[in-house]
Amino acid sequence: MSEVTKGSGLLLVMIDIELEYEDEFNRWYNEEHFPERLECPGFISARRYVATEGAPKYLAIYELENIDVLSAEDYLRISPPSEWSKNLRPHFLTLTRNIYQDITPTIPDGYRVKAVRA
């Protein structure tokens, strides 16, 4: 993974999978899909979550140096689906993949709170 500690891009993936494929899905994610992305230059961090309420059931969040990482040669090399991916994807019930650009404002040096809220 990269030495950068704060990225300006975020990749968010949410998936629901057919119940009978859930164990295989988690094995695939943990053994193939997730490690490939963690080792890809430009990916700073990666986390997986399971919903305790709400849906979709599975969420993965990847912090990126910037959103250009997703069109870089290193990422494109791992983008074509593997056979394991091809076998699982028909069993995804939902798949949401969003890319985000950081718009967090910089707080000026010396900023002081201007109001007290009750």
PDB file of N, CA and C in Angstrom:
ATOM      1  N   MET A   1       0.835  -1.194   0.000  1.00  0.00           N
ATOM      2  CA  MET A   1       0.000   0.000   0.000  1.00  0.00           C
ATOM      3  C   MET A   1       0.870   1.244   0.000  1.00  0.00           C
ATOM      4  N   SER A   2       0.262   2.347  -0.313  1.00  0.00           N
ATOM      5  CA  SER A   2       0.965   3.604  -0.465  1.00  0.00           C
ATOM      6  C   SER A   2       1.415   4.176   0.877  1.00  0.00           C
ATOM      7  N   GLU A   3       2.423   5.064   0.825  1.00  0.00           N
ATOM      8  CA  GLU A   3       2.924   5.763   2.001  1.00  0.00           C
ATOM      9  C   GLU A   3       2.042   6.965   2.347  1.00  0.00           C
ATOM     10  N   VAL A   4       1.181   7.397   1.428  1.00  0.00           N
ATOM     11  CA  VAL A   4       0.317   8.551   1.658  1.00  0.00           C
ATOM     12  C   VAL A   4      -0.610   8.245   2.821  1.00  0.00           C
ATOM     13  N   THR A   5      -0.851   9.233   3.681  1.00  0.00           N
ATOM     14  CA  THR A   5      -1.702   8.976   4.844  1.00  0.00           C
ATOM     15  C   THR A   5      -3.092   9.571   4.723  1.00  0.00           C
ATOM     16  N   LYS A   6      -3.309  10.445   3.759  1.00  0.00           N
ATOM     17  CA  LYS A   6      -4.634  11.029   3.578  1.00  0.00           C
ATOM     18  C   LYS A   6      -4.910  11.157   2.095  1.00  0.00           C
ATOM     19  N   GLY A   7      -5.953  10.499   1.646  1.00  0.00           N
ATOM     20  CA  GLY A   7      -6.290  10.534   0.234  1.00  0.00           C
ATOM     21  C   GLY A   7      -7.405  11.502  -0.060  1.00  0.00           C
ATOM     22  N   SER A   8      -7.573  11.789  -1.339  1.00  0.00           N
ATOM     23  CA  SER A   8      -8.659  12.678  -1.748  1.00  0.00           C
ATOM     24  C   SER A   8      -9.762  11.939  -2.491  1.00  0.00           C
ATOM     25  N   GLY A   9      -9.625  10.611  -2.592  1.00  0.00           N
ATOM     26  CA  GLY A   9     -10.644   9.827  -3.276  1.00  0.00           C
ATOM     27  C   GLY A   9     -11.167   8.707  -2.393  1.00  0.00           C
ATOM     28  N   LEU A  10     -12.368   8.287  -2.685  1.00  0.00           N
ATOM     29  CA  LEU A  10     -13.000   7.209  -1.941  1.00  0.00           C
ATOM     30  C   LEU A  10     -13.793   6.346  -2.911  1.00  0.00           C
ATOM     31  N   LEU A  11     -13.642   5.044  -2.780  1.00  0.00           N
ATOM     32  CA  LEU A  11     -14.438   4.082  -3.543  1.00  0.00           C
ATOM     33  C   LEU A  11     -15.307   3.346  -2.538  1.00  0.00           C
ATOM     34  N   LEU A  12     -16.603   3.358  -2.758  1.00  0.00           N
ATOM     35  CA  LEU A  12     -17.561   2.721  -1.870  1.00  0.00           C
ATOM     36  C   LEU A  12     -18.315   1.661  -2.670  1.00  0.00           C
ATOM     37  N   VAL A  13     -18.360   0.438  -2.141  1.00  0.00           N
ATOM     38  CA  VAL A  13     -19.045  -0.660  -2.821  1.00  0.00           C
ATOM     39  C   VAL A  13     -19.997  -1.319  -1.831  1.00  0.00           C
ATOM     40  N   MET A  14     -21.264  -1.459  -2.241  1.00  0.00           N
ATOM     41  CA  MET A  14     -22.277  -2.113  -1.404  1.00  0.00           C
ATOM     42  C   MET A  14     -22.878  -3.272  -2.199  1.00  0.00           C
ATOM     43  N   ILE A  15     -22.989  -4.426  -1.541  1.00  0.00           N
ATOM     44  CA  ILE A  15     -23.444  -5.636  -2.243  1.00  0.00           C
ATOM     45  C   ILE A  15     -24.383  -6.443  -1.352  1.00  0.00           C
ATOM     46  N   ASP A  16     -25.421  -6.978  -1.963  1.00  0.00           N
ATOM     47  CA  ASP A  16     -26.229  -8.057  -1.386  1.00  0.00           C
ATOM     48  C   ASP A  16     -25.997  -9.273  -2.272  1.00  0.00           C
ATOM     49  N   ILE A  17     -25.921 -10.438  -1.659  1.00  0.00           N
ATOM     50  CA  ILE A  17     -25.645 -11.680  -2.387  1.00  0.00           C
ATOM     51  C   ILE A  17     -26.710 -12.705  -2.025  1.00  0.00           C
ATOM     52  N   GLU A  18     -27.028 -13.595  -2.949  1.00  0.00           N
ATOM     53  CA  GLU A  18     -27.969 -14.674  -2.654  1.00  0.00           C
ATOM     54  C   GLU A  18     -27.449 -15.452  -1.441  1.00  0.00           C
ATOM     55  N   LEU A  19     -28.336 -15.770  -0.525  1.00  0.00           N
ATOM     56  CA  LEU A  19     -27.971 -16.392   0.747  1.00  0.00           C
ATOM     57  C   LEU A  19     -27.111 -17.641   0.569  1.00  0.00           C
ATOM     58  N   GLU A  20     -27.439 -18.482  -0.406  1.00  0.00           N
ATOM     59  CA  GLU A  20     -26.688 -19.728  -0.585  1.00  0.00           C
ATOM     60  C   GLU A  20     -25.262 -19.507  -1.100  1.00  0.00           C
ATOM     61  N   TYR A  21     -24.941 -18.290  -1.544  1.00  0.00           N
ATOM     62  CA  TYR A  21     -23.596 -17.969  -2.039  1.00  0.00           C
ATOM     63  C   TYR A  21     -22.823 -17.070  -1.075  1.00  0.00           C
ATOM     64  N   GLU A  22     -23.397 -16.781   0.073  1.00  0.00           N
ATOM     65  CA  GLU A  22     -22.794 -15.832   1.009  1.00  0.00           C
ATOM     66  C   GLU A  22     -21.428 -16.293   1.532  1.00  0.00           C
ATOM     67  N   ASP A  23     -21.282 -17.545   1.898  1.00  0.00           N
ATOM     68  CA  ASP A  23     -19.993 -18.039   2.394  1.00  0.00           C
ATOM     69  C   ASP A  23     -18.922 -17.947   1.306  1.00  0.00           C
ATOM     70  N   GLU A  24     -19.260 -18.358   0.101  1.00  0.00           N
ATOM     71  CA  GLU A  24     -18.304 -18.284  -1.003  1.00  0.00           C
ATOM     72  C   GLU A  24     -17.960 -16.829  -1.324  1.00  0.00           C
ATOM     73  N   PHE A  25     -18.966 -15.954  -1.290  1.00  0.00           N
ATOM     74  CA  PHE A  25     -18.750 -14.531  -1.522  1.00  0.00           C
ATOM     75  C   PHE A  25     -17.732 -13.964  -0.531  1.00  0.00           C
ATOM     76  N   ASN A  26     -17.887 -14.264   0.732  1.00  0.00           N
ATOM     77  CA  ASN A  26     -16.960 -13.756   1.744  1.00  0.00           C
ATOM     78  C   ASN A  26     -15.563 -14.347   1.571  1.00  0.00           C
ATOM     79  N   ARG A  27     -15.486 -15.586   1.196  1.00  0.00           N
ATOM     80  CA  ARG A  27     -14.192 -16.215   0.926  1.00  0.00           C
ATOM     81  C   ARG A  27     -13.513 -15.530  -0.266  1.00  0.00           C
ATOM     82  N   TRP A  28     -14.269 -15.327  -1.348  1.00  0.00           N
ATOM     83  CA  TRP A  28     -13.753 -14.643  -2.534  1.00  0.00           C
ATOM     84  C   TRP A  28     -13.283 -13.235  -2.175  1.00  0.00           C
ATOM     85  N   TYR A  29     -14.104 -12.505  -1.443  1.00  0.00           N
ATOM     86  CA  TYR A  29     -13.753 -11.124  -1.091  1.00  0.00           C
ATOM     87  C   TYR A  29     -12.483 -11.086  -0.253  1.00  0.00           C
ATOM     88  N   ASN A  30     -12.408 -11.978   0.742  1.00  0.00           N
ATOM     89  CA  ASN A  30     -11.273 -11.980   1.664  1.00  0.00           C
ATOM     90  C   ASN A  30     -10.000 -12.557   1.060  1.00  0.00           C
ATOM     91  N   GLU A  31     -10.134 -13.535   0.177  1.00  0.00           N
ATOM     92  CA  GLU A  31      -8.963 -14.230  -0.357  1.00  0.00           C
ATOM     93  C   GLU A  31      -8.465 -13.682  -1.692  1.00  0.00           C
ATOM     94  N   GLU A  32      -9.340 -13.047  -2.477  1.00  0.00           N
ATOM     95  CA  GLU A  32      -8.929 -12.579  -3.801  1.00  0.00           C
ATOM     96  C   GLU A  32      -9.178 -11.082  -3.994  1.00  0.00           C
ATOM     97  N   HIS A  33     -10.422 -10.690  -3.963  1.00  0.00           N
ATOM     98  CA  HIS A  33     -10.805  -9.334  -4.361  1.00  0.00           C
ATOM     99  C   HIS A  33     -10.182  -8.262  -3.462  1.00  0.00           C
ATOM    100  N   PHE A  34     -10.364  -8.416  -2.175  1.00  0.00           N
ATOM    101  CA  PHE A  34      -9.866  -7.430  -1.212  1.00  0.00           C
ATOM    102  C   PHE A  34      -8.340  -7.330  -1.226  1.00  0.00           C
ATOM    103  N   PRO A  35      -7.601  -8.449  -1.154  1.00  0.00           N
ATOM    104  CA  PRO A  35      -6.137  -8.357  -1.179  1.00  0.00           C
ATOM    105  C   PRO A  35      -5.592  -7.714  -2.454  1.00  0.00           C
ATOM    106  N   GLU A  36      -6.224  -7.981  -3.603  1.00  0.00           N
ATOM    107  CA  GLU A  36      -5.764  -7.360  -4.849  1.00  0.00           C
ATOM    108  C   GLU A  36      -5.825  -5.842  -4.752  1.00  0.00           C
ATOM    109  N   ARG A  37      -6.888  -5.340  -4.187  1.00  0.00           N
ATOM    110  CA  ARG A  37      -7.040  -3.899  -4.078  1.00  0.00           C
ATOM    111  C   ARG A  37      -6.111  -3.324  -3.010  1.00  0.00           C
ATOM    112  N   LEU A  38      -5.958  -4.012  -1.920  1.00  0.00           N
ATOM    113  CA  LEU A  38      -5.046  -3.529  -0.872  1.00  0.00           C
ATOM    114  C   LEU A  38      -3.613  -3.397  -1.369  1.00  0.00           C
ATOM    115  N   GLU A  39      -3.218  -4.263  -2.292  1.00  0.00           N
ATOM    116  CA  GLU A  39      -1.851  -4.243  -2.818  1.00  0.00           C
ATOM    117  C   GLU A  39      -1.689  -3.311  -4.019  1.00  0.00           C
ATOM    118  N   CYS A  40      -2.770  -2.762  -4.509  1.00  0.00           N
ATOM    119  CA  CYS A  40      -2.710  -1.904  -5.698  1.00  0.00           C
ATOM    120  C   CYS A  40      -2.179  -0.516  -5.317  1.00  0.00           C
ATOM    121  N   PRO A  41      -1.155  -0.025  -6.019  1.00  0.00           N
ATOM    122  CA  PRO A  41      -0.660   1.321  -5.748  1.00  0.00           C
ATOM    123  C   PRO A  41      -1.785   2.354  -5.848  1.00  0.00           C
ATOM    124  N   GLY A  42      -1.793   3.275  -4.898  1.00  0.00           N
ATOM    125  CA  GLY A  42      -2.814   4.319  -4.869  1.00  0.00           C
ATOM    126  C   GLY A  42      -3.942   4.036  -3.906  1.00  0.00           C
ATOM    127  N   PHE A  43      -4.096   2.770  -3.487  1.00  0.00           N
ATOM    128  CA  PHE A  43      -5.072   2.430  -2.463  1.00  0.00           C
ATOM    129  C   PHE A  43      -4.391   2.629  -1.114  1.00  0.00           C
ATOM    130  N   ILE A  44      -4.940   3.480  -0.273  1.00  0.00           N
ATOM    131  CA  ILE A  44      -4.338   3.811   1.017  1.00  0.00           C
ATOM    132  C   ILE A  44      -4.842   2.876   2.108  1.00  0.00           C
ATOM    133  N   SER A  45      -6.144   2.655   2.117  1.00  0.00           N
ATOM    134  CA  SER A  45      -6.721   1.772   3.133  1.00  0.00           C
ATOM    135  C   SER A  45      -7.981   1.130   2.569  1.00  0.00           C
ATOM    136  N   ALA A  46      -8.388   0.069   3.229  1.00  0.00           N
ATOM    137  CA  ALA A  46      -9.596  -0.649   2.809  1.00  0.00           C
ATOM    138  C   ALA A  46     -10.231  -1.265   4.041  1.00  0.00           C
ATOM    139  N   ARG A  47     -11.551  -1.212   4.080  1.00  0.00           N
ATOM    140  CA  ARG A  47     -12.291  -1.797   5.203  1.00  0.00           C
ATOM    141  C   ARG A  47     -13.542  -2.457   4.658  1.00  0.00           C
ATOM    142  N   ARG A  48     -13.940  -3.555   5.318  1.00  0.00           N
ATOM    143  CA  ARG A  48     -15.203  -4.228   4.979  1.00  0.00           C
ATOM    144  C   ARG A  48     -16.112  -4.178   6.186  1.00  0.00           C
ATOM    145  N   TYR A  49     -17.414  -4.067   5.909  1.00  0.00           N
ATOM    146  CA  TYR A  49     -18.418  -3.997   6.961  1.00  0.00           C
ATOM    147  C   TYR A  49     -19.601  -4.875   6.593  1.00  0.00           C
ATOM    148  N   VAL A  50     -20.316  -5.329   7.620  1.00  0.00           N
ATOM    149  CA  VAL A  50     -21.580  -6.028   7.432  1.00  0.00           C
ATOM    150  C   VAL A  50     -22.636  -5.217   8.177  1.00  0.00           C
ATOM    151  N   ALA A  51     -23.787  -5.033   7.561  1.00  0.00           N
ATOM    152  CA  ALA A  51     -24.847  -4.227   8.164  1.00  0.00           C
ATOM    153  C   ALA A  51     -25.424  -4.921   9.394  1.00  0.00           C
ATOM    154  N   THR A  52     -25.589  -4.161  10.444  1.00  0.00           N
ATOM    155  CA  THR A  52     -26.301  -4.674  11.619  1.00  0.00           C
ATOM    156  C   THR A  52     -27.765  -4.292  11.535  1.00  0.00           C
ATOM    157  N   GLU A  53     -28.057  -3.335  10.675  1.00  0.00           N
ATOM    158  CA  GLU A  53     -29.427  -3.007  10.293  1.00  0.00           C
ATOM    159  C   GLU A  53     -29.363  -2.306   8.952  1.00  0.00           C
ATOM    160  N   GLY A  54     -30.425  -2.391   8.203  1.00  0.00           N
ATOM    161  CA  GLY A  54     -30.445  -1.764   6.882  1.00  0.00           C
ATOM    162  C   GLY A  54     -29.827  -2.646   5.811  1.00  0.00           C
ATOM    163  N   ALA A  55     -29.770  -2.100   4.610  1.00  0.00           N
ATOM    164  CA  ALA A  55     -29.262  -2.829   3.456  1.00  0.00           C
ATOM    165  C   ALA A  55     -28.616  -1.834   2.514  1.00  0.00           C
ATOM    166  N   PRO A  56     -27.767  -2.319   1.644  1.00  0.00           N
ATOM    167  CA  PRO A  56     -27.286  -3.665   1.417  1.00  0.00           C
ATOM    168  C   PRO A  56     -26.500  -4.215   2.614  1.00  0.00           C
ATOM    169  N   LYS A  57     -26.323  -5.515   2.605  1.00  0.00           N
ATOM    170  CA  LYS A  57     -25.714  -6.197   3.745  1.00  0.00           C
ATOM    171  C   LYS A  57     -24.218  -5.933   3.858  1.00  0.00           C
ATOM    172  N   TYR A  58     -23.504  -5.880   2.717  1.00  0.00           N
ATOM    173  CA  TYR A  58     -22.050  -5.747   2.739  1.00  0.00           C
ATOM    174  C   TYR A  58     -21.599  -4.399   2.179  1.00  0.00           C
ATOM    175  N   LEU A  59     -20.610  -3.826   2.833  1.00  0.00           N
ATOM    176  CA  LEU A  59     -20.044  -2.541   2.440  1.00  0.00           C
ATOM    177  C   LEU A  59     -18.525  -2.648   2.468  1.00  0.00           C
ATOM    178  N   ALA A  60     -17.887  -2.137   1.428  1.00  0.00           N
ATOM    179  CA  ALA A  60     -16.427  -2.004   1.403  1.00  0.00           C
ATOM    180  C   ALA A  60     -16.113  -0.550   1.090  1.00  0.00           C
ATOM    181  N   ILE A  61     -15.154   0.002   1.852  1.00  0.00           N
ATOM    182  CA  ILE A  61     -14.730   1.384   1.656  1.00  0.00           C
ATOM    183  C   ILE A  61     -13.227   1.380   1.418  1.00  0.00           C
ATOM    184  N   TYR A  62     -12.831   1.989   0.314  1.00  0.00           N
ATOM    185  CA  TYR A  62     -11.428   2.073  -0.060  1.00  0.00           C
ATOM    186  C   TYR A  62     -11.023   3.545  -0.114  1.00  0.00           C
ATOM    187  N   GLU A  63     -10.008   3.923   0.663  1.00  0.00           N
ATOM    188  CA  GLU A  63      -9.476   5.271   0.579  1.00  0.00           C
ATOM    189  C   GLU A  63      -8.393   5.267  -0.493  1.00  0.00           C
ATOM    190  N   LEU A  64      -8.468   6.246  -1.380  1.00  0.00           N
ATOM    191  CA  LEU A  64      -7.565   6.331  -2.533  1.00  0.00           C
ATOM    192  C   LEU A  64      -6.725   7.599  -2.457  1.00  0.00           C
ATOM    193  N   GLU A  65      -5.503   7.537  -2.972  1.00  0.00           N
ATOM    194  CA  GLU A  65      -4.691   8.752  -3.052  1.00  0.00           C
ATOM    195  C   GLU A  65      -5.484   9.833  -3.779  1.00  0.00           C
ATOM    196  N   ASN A  66      -6.133   9.448  -4.868  1.00  0.00           N
ATOM    197  CA  ASN A  66      -7.010  10.329  -5.641  1.00  0.00           C
ATOM    198  C   ASN A  66      -7.856   9.433  -6.546  1.00  0.00           C
ATOM    199  N   ILE A  67      -8.862   9.999  -7.177  1.00  0.00           N
ATOM    200  CA  ILE A  67      -9.762   9.168  -7.980  1.00  0.00           C
ATOM    201  C   ILE A  67      -9.117   8.685  -9.274  1.00  0.00           C
ATOM    202  N   ASP A  68      -8.013   9.306  -9.677  1.00  0.00           N
ATOM    203  CA  ASP A  68      -7.306   8.864 -10.885  1.00  0.00           C
ATOM    204  C   ASP A  68      -6.719   7.467 -10.728  1.00  0.00           C
ATOM    205  N   VAL A  69      -6.576   7.002  -9.500  1.00  0.00           N
ATOM    206  CA  VAL A  69      -6.075   5.647  -9.227  1.00  0.00           C
ATOM    207  C   VAL A  69      -6.924   4.618  -9.978  1.00  0.00           C
ATOM    208  N   LEU A  70      -8.229   4.891 -10.098  1.00  0.00           N
ATOM    209  CA  LEU A  70      -9.152   3.936 -10.711  1.00  0.00           C
ATOM    210  C   LEU A  70      -9.047   3.872 -12.233  1.00  0.00           C
ATOM    211  N   SER A  71      -8.272   4.766 -12.822  1.00  0.00           N
ATOM    212  CA  SER A  71      -8.027   4.688 -14.272  1.00  0.00           C
ATOM    213  C   SER A  71      -6.543   4.465 -14.565  1.00  0.00           C
ATOM    214  N   ALA A  72      -5.764   4.222 -13.520  1.00  0.00           N
ATOM    215  CA  ALA A  72      -4.323   3.991 -13.682  1.00  0.00           C
ATOM    216  C   ALA A  72      -4.054   2.553 -14.133  1.00  0.00           C
ATOM    217  N   GLU A  73      -2.921   2.362 -14.760  1.00  0.00           N
ATOM    218  CA  GLU A  73      -2.535   1.058 -15.311  1.00  0.00           C
ATOM    219  C   GLU A  73      -2.548  -0.057 -14.246  1.00  0.00           C
ATOM    220  N   ASP A  74      -2.041   0.235 -13.049  1.00  0.00           N
ATOM    221  CA  ASP A  74      -1.997  -0.791 -11.993  1.00  0.00           C
ATOM    222  C   ASP A  74      -3.395  -1.293 -11.640  1.00  0.00           C
ATOM    223  N   TYR A  75      -4.352  -0.372 -11.548  1.00  0.00           N
ATOM    224  CA  TYR A  75      -5.720  -0.782 -11.224  1.00  0.00           C
ATOM    225  C   TYR A  75      -6.370  -1.507 -12.404  1.00  0.00           C
ATOM    226  N   LEU A  76      -6.163  -0.999 -13.594  1.00  0.00           N
ATOM    227  CA  LEU A  76      -6.772  -1.615 -14.776  1.00  0.00           C
ATOM    228  C   LEU A  76      -6.303  -3.053 -14.969  1.00  0.00           C
ATOM    229  N   ARG A  77      -5.107  -3.366 -14.498  1.00  0.00           N
ATOM    230  CA  ARG A  77      -4.581  -4.727 -14.588  1.00  0.00           C
ATOM    231  C   ARG A  77      -5.383  -5.701 -13.720  1.00  0.00           C
ATOM    232  N   ILE A  78      -5.947  -5.219 -12.606  1.00  0.00           N
ATOM    233  CA  ILE A  78      -6.726  -6.108 -11.728  1.00  0.00           C
ATOM    234  C   ILE A  78      -8.230  -5.959 -11.935  1.00  0.00           C
ATOM    235  N   SER A  79      -8.639  -5.061 -12.812  1.00  0.00           N
ATOM    236  CA  SER A  79     -10.071  -4.826 -13.034  1.00  0.00           C
ATOM    237  C   SER A  79     -10.801  -5.931 -13.787  1.00  0.00           C
ATOM    238  N   PRO A  80     -10.213  -6.540 -14.806  1.00  0.00           N
ATOM    239  CA  PRO A  80     -10.975  -7.590 -15.493  1.00  0.00           C
ATOM    240  C   PRO A  80     -11.355  -8.686 -14.490  1.00  0.00           C
ATOM    241  N   PRO A  81     -12.600  -9.115 -14.508  1.00  0.00           N
ATOM    242  CA  PRO A  81     -13.028 -10.107 -13.516  1.00  0.00           C
ATOM    243  C   PRO A  81     -12.325 -11.458 -13.687  1.00  0.00           C
ATOM    244  N   SER A  82     -11.930 -12.027 -12.558  1.00  0.00           N
ATOM    245  CA  SER A  82     -11.362 -13.376 -12.551  1.00  0.00           C
ATOM    246  C   SER A  82     -12.489 -14.385 -12.795  1.00  0.00           C
ATOM    247  N   GLU A  83     -12.130 -15.629 -12.998  1.00  0.00           N
ATOM    248  CA  GLU A  83     -13.159 -16.673 -13.154  1.00  0.00           C
ATOM    249  C   GLU A  83     -14.028 -16.764 -11.909  1.00  0.00           C
ATOM    250  N   TRP A  84     -13.398 -16.645 -10.748  1.00  0.00           N
ATOM    251  CA  TRP A  84     -14.146 -16.700  -9.489  1.00  0.00           C
ATOM    252  C   TRP A  84     -15.153 -15.552  -9.437  1.00  0.00           C
ATOM    253  N   SER A  85     -14.723 -14.354  -9.826  1.00  0.00           N
ATOM    254  CA  SER A  85     -15.623 -13.198  -9.878  1.00  0.00           C
ATOM    255  C   SER A  85     -16.775 -13.436 -10.846  1.00  0.00           C
ATOM    256  N   LYS A  86     -16.441 -13.927 -12.030  1.00  0.00           N
ATOM    257  CA  LYS A  86     -17.474 -14.181 -13.048  1.00  0.00           C
ATOM    258  C   LYS A  86     -18.515 -15.174 -12.555  1.00  0.00           C
ATOM    259  N   ASN A  87     -18.090 -16.167 -11.777  1.00  0.00           N
ATOM    260  CA  ASN A  87     -19.022 -17.170 -11.253  1.00  0.00           C
ATOM    261  C   ASN A  87     -19.909 -16.615 -10.148  1.00  0.00           C
ATOM    262  N   LEU A  88     -19.419 -15.638  -9.394  1.00  0.00           N
ATOM    263  CA  LEU A  88     -20.199 -15.083  -8.286  1.00  0.00           C
ATOM    264  C   LEU A  88     -21.129 -13.945  -8.690  1.00  0.00           C
ATOM    265  N   ARG A  89     -20.715 -13.132  -9.626  1.00  0.00           N
ATOM    266  CA  ARG A  89     -21.481 -11.917  -9.954  1.00  0.00           C
ATOM    267  C   ARG A  89     -22.942 -12.168 -10.328  1.00  0.00           C
ATOM    268  N   PRO A  90     -23.275 -13.245 -11.001  1.00  0.00           N
ATOM    269  CA  PRO A  90     -24.701 -13.467 -11.293  1.00  0.00           C
ATOM    270  C   PRO A  90     -25.558 -13.648 -10.031  1.00  0.00           C
ATOM    271  N   HIS A  91     -24.909 -13.870  -8.893  1.00  0.00           N
ATOM    272  CA  HIS A  91     -25.636 -14.102  -7.643  1.00  0.00           C
ATOM    273  C   HIS A  91     -25.697 -12.850  -6.768  1.00  0.00           C
ATOM    274  N   PHE A  92     -25.137 -11.734  -7.270  1.00  0.00           N
ATOM    275  CA  PHE A  92     -25.292 -10.459  -6.561  1.00  0.00           C
ATOM    276  C   PHE A  92     -26.739 -10.015  -6.747  1.00  0.00           C
ATOM    277  N   LEU A  93     -27.394  -9.697  -5.663  1.00  0.00           N
ATOM    278  CA  LEU A  93     -28.762  -9.173  -5.734  1.00  0.00           C
ATOM    279  C   LEU A  93     -28.742  -7.667  -5.950  1.00  0.00           C
ATOM    280  N   THR A  94     -27.782  -7.013  -5.339  1.00  0.00           N
ATOM    281  CA  THR A  94     -27.572  -5.579  -5.548  1.00  0.00           C
ATOM    282  C   THR A  94     -26.074  -5.332  -5.607  1.00  0.00           C
ATOM    283  N   LEU A  95     -25.697  -4.320  -6.370  1.00  0.00           N
ATOM    284  CA  LEU A  95     -24.311  -3.878  -6.436  1.00  0.00           C
ATOM    285  C   LEU A  95     -24.333  -2.373  -6.666  1.00  0.00           C
ATOM    286  N   THR A  96     -23.817  -1.641  -5.696  1.00  0.00           N
ATOM    287  CA  THR A  96     -23.676  -0.195  -5.818  1.00  0.00           C
ATOM    288  C   THR A  96     -22.194   0.110  -5.709  1.00  0.00           C
ATOM    289  N   ARG A  97     -21.671   0.835  -6.681  1.00  0.00           N
ATOM    290  CA  ARG A  97     -20.257   1.217  -6.694  1.00  0.00           C
ATOM    291  C   ARG A  97     -20.194   2.709  -6.953  1.00  0.00           C
ATOM    292  N   ASN A  98     -19.776   3.458  -5.938  1.00  0.00           N
ATOM    293  CA  ASN A  98     -19.705   4.907  -6.048  1.00  0.00           C
ATOM    294  C   ASN A  98     -18.273   5.373  -5.857  1.00  0.00           C
ATOM    295  N   ILE A  99     -17.903   6.418  -6.587  1.00  0.00           N
ATOM    296  CA  ILE A  99     -16.587   7.038  -6.472  1.00  0.00           C
ATOM    297  C   ILE A  99     -16.809   8.461  -5.967  1.00  0.00           C
ATOM    298  N   TYR A 100     -16.024   8.835  -4.945  1.00  0.00           N
ATOM    299  CA  TYR A 100     -16.179  10.147  -4.325  1.00  0.00           C
ATOM    300  C   TYR A 100     -14.866  10.922  -4.349  1.00  0.00           C
ATOM    301  N   GLN A 101     -14.988  12.235  -4.534  1.00  0.00           N
ATOM    302  CA  GLN A 101     -13.865  13.170  -4.477  1.00  0.00           C
ATOM    303  C   GLN A 101     -14.007  13.983  -3.202  1.00  0.00           C
ATOM    304  N   ASP A 102     -12.954  14.100  -2.424  1.00  0.00           N
ATOM    305  CA  ASP A 102     -12.967  14.848  -1.162  1.00  0.00           C
ATOM    306  C   ASP A 102     -13.226  16.327  -1.425  1.00  0.00           C
ATOM    307  N   ILE A 103     -14.186  16.880  -0.705  1.00  0.00           N
ATOM    308  CA  ILE A 103     -14.481  18.311  -0.784  1.00  0.00           C
ATOM    309  C   ILE A 103     -14.413  18.948   0.602  1.00  0.00           C
ATOM    310  N   THR A 104     -13.747  18.286   1.542  1.00  0.00           N
ATOM    311  CA  THR A 104     -13.636  18.800   2.904  1.00  0.00           C
ATOM    312  C   THR A 104     -12.920  20.145   2.891  1.00  0.00           C
ATOM    313  N   PRO A 105     -13.531  21.175   3.498  1.00  0.00           N
ATOM    314  CA  PRO A 105     -12.869  22.477   3.509  1.00  0.00           C
ATOM    315  C   PRO A 105     -11.694  22.480   4.495  1.00  0.00           C
ATOM    316  N   THR A 106     -10.741  23.343   4.226  1.00  0.00           N
ATOM    317  CA  THR A 106      -9.635  23.549   5.145  1.00  0.00           C
ATOM    318  C   THR A 106     -10.069  24.603   6.153  1.00  0.00           C
ATOM    319  N   ILE A 107      -9.918  24.299   7.428  1.00  0.00           N
ATOM    320  CA  ILE A 107     -10.267  25.262   8.472  1.00  0.00           C
ATOM    321  C   ILE A 107      -9.080  26.211   8.632  1.00  0.00           C
ATOM    322  N   PRO A 108      -9.335  27.495   8.534  1.00  0.00           N
ATOM    323  CA  PRO A 108      -8.229  28.459   8.597  1.00  0.00           C
ATOM    324  C   PRO A 108      -7.479  28.394   9.927  1.00  0.00           C
ATOM    325  N   ASP A 109      -6.165  28.625   9.869  1.00  0.00           N
ATOM    326  CA  ASP A 109      -5.371  28.711  11.098  1.00  0.00           C
ATOM    327  C   ASP A 109      -5.945  29.803  11.985  1.00  0.00           C
ATOM    328  N   GLY A 110      -5.977  29.566  13.273  1.00  0.00           N
ATOM    329  CA  GLY A 110      -6.472  30.568  14.216  1.00  0.00           C
ATOM    330  C   GLY A 110      -7.975  30.684  14.275  1.00  0.00           C
ATOM    331  N   TYR A 111      -8.690  29.781  13.609  1.00  0.00           N
ATOM    332  CA  TYR A 111     -10.159  29.858  13.631  1.00  0.00           C
ATOM    333  C   TYR A 111     -10.666  29.702  15.055  1.00  0.00           C
ATOM    334  N   ARG A 112     -11.611  30.535  15.443  1.00  0.00           N
ATOM    335  CA  ARG A 112     -12.233  30.450  16.758  1.00  0.00           C
ATOM    336  C   ARG A 112     -13.737  30.269  16.564  1.00  0.00           C
ATOM    337  N   VAL A 113     -14.350  29.494  17.440  1.00  0.00           N
ATOM    338  CA  VAL A 113     -15.799  29.287  17.376  1.00  0.00           C
ATOM    339  C   VAL A 113     -16.464  30.645  17.570  1.00  0.00           C
ATOM    340  N   LYS A 114     -17.398  30.966  16.676  1.00  0.00           N
ATOM    341  CA  LYS A 114     -18.023  32.293  16.703  1.00  0.00           C
ATOM    342  C   LYS A 114     -19.360  32.300  17.417  1.00  0.00           C
ATOM    343  N   ALA A 115     -19.892  31.139  17.714  1.00  0.00           N
ATOM    344  CA  ALA A 115     -21.190  31.074  18.382  1.00  0.00           C
ATOM    345  C   ALA A 115     -21.187  29.893  19.340  1.00  0.00           C
ATOM    346  N   VAL A 116     -21.956  30.039  20.396  1.00  0.00           N
ATOM    347  CA  VAL A 116     -22.134  28.957  21.362  1.00  0.00           C
ATOM    348  C   VAL A 116     -23.547  28.446  21.171  1.00  0.00           C
ATOM    349  N   ARG A 117     -23.669  27.159  20.996  1.00  0.00           N
ATOM    350  CA  ARG A 117     -24.988  26.570  20.785  1.00  0.00           C
ATOM    351  C   ARG A 117     -25.437  25.878  22.058  1.00  0.00           C
ATOM    352  N   ALA A 118     -26.663  26.090  22.391  1.00  0.00           N
ATOM    353  CA  ALA A 118     -27.228  25.487  23.620  1.00  0.00           C
ATOM    354  C   ALA A 118     -27.550  24.046  23.405  1.00  0.00           C
TER     355      ALA A 118
END
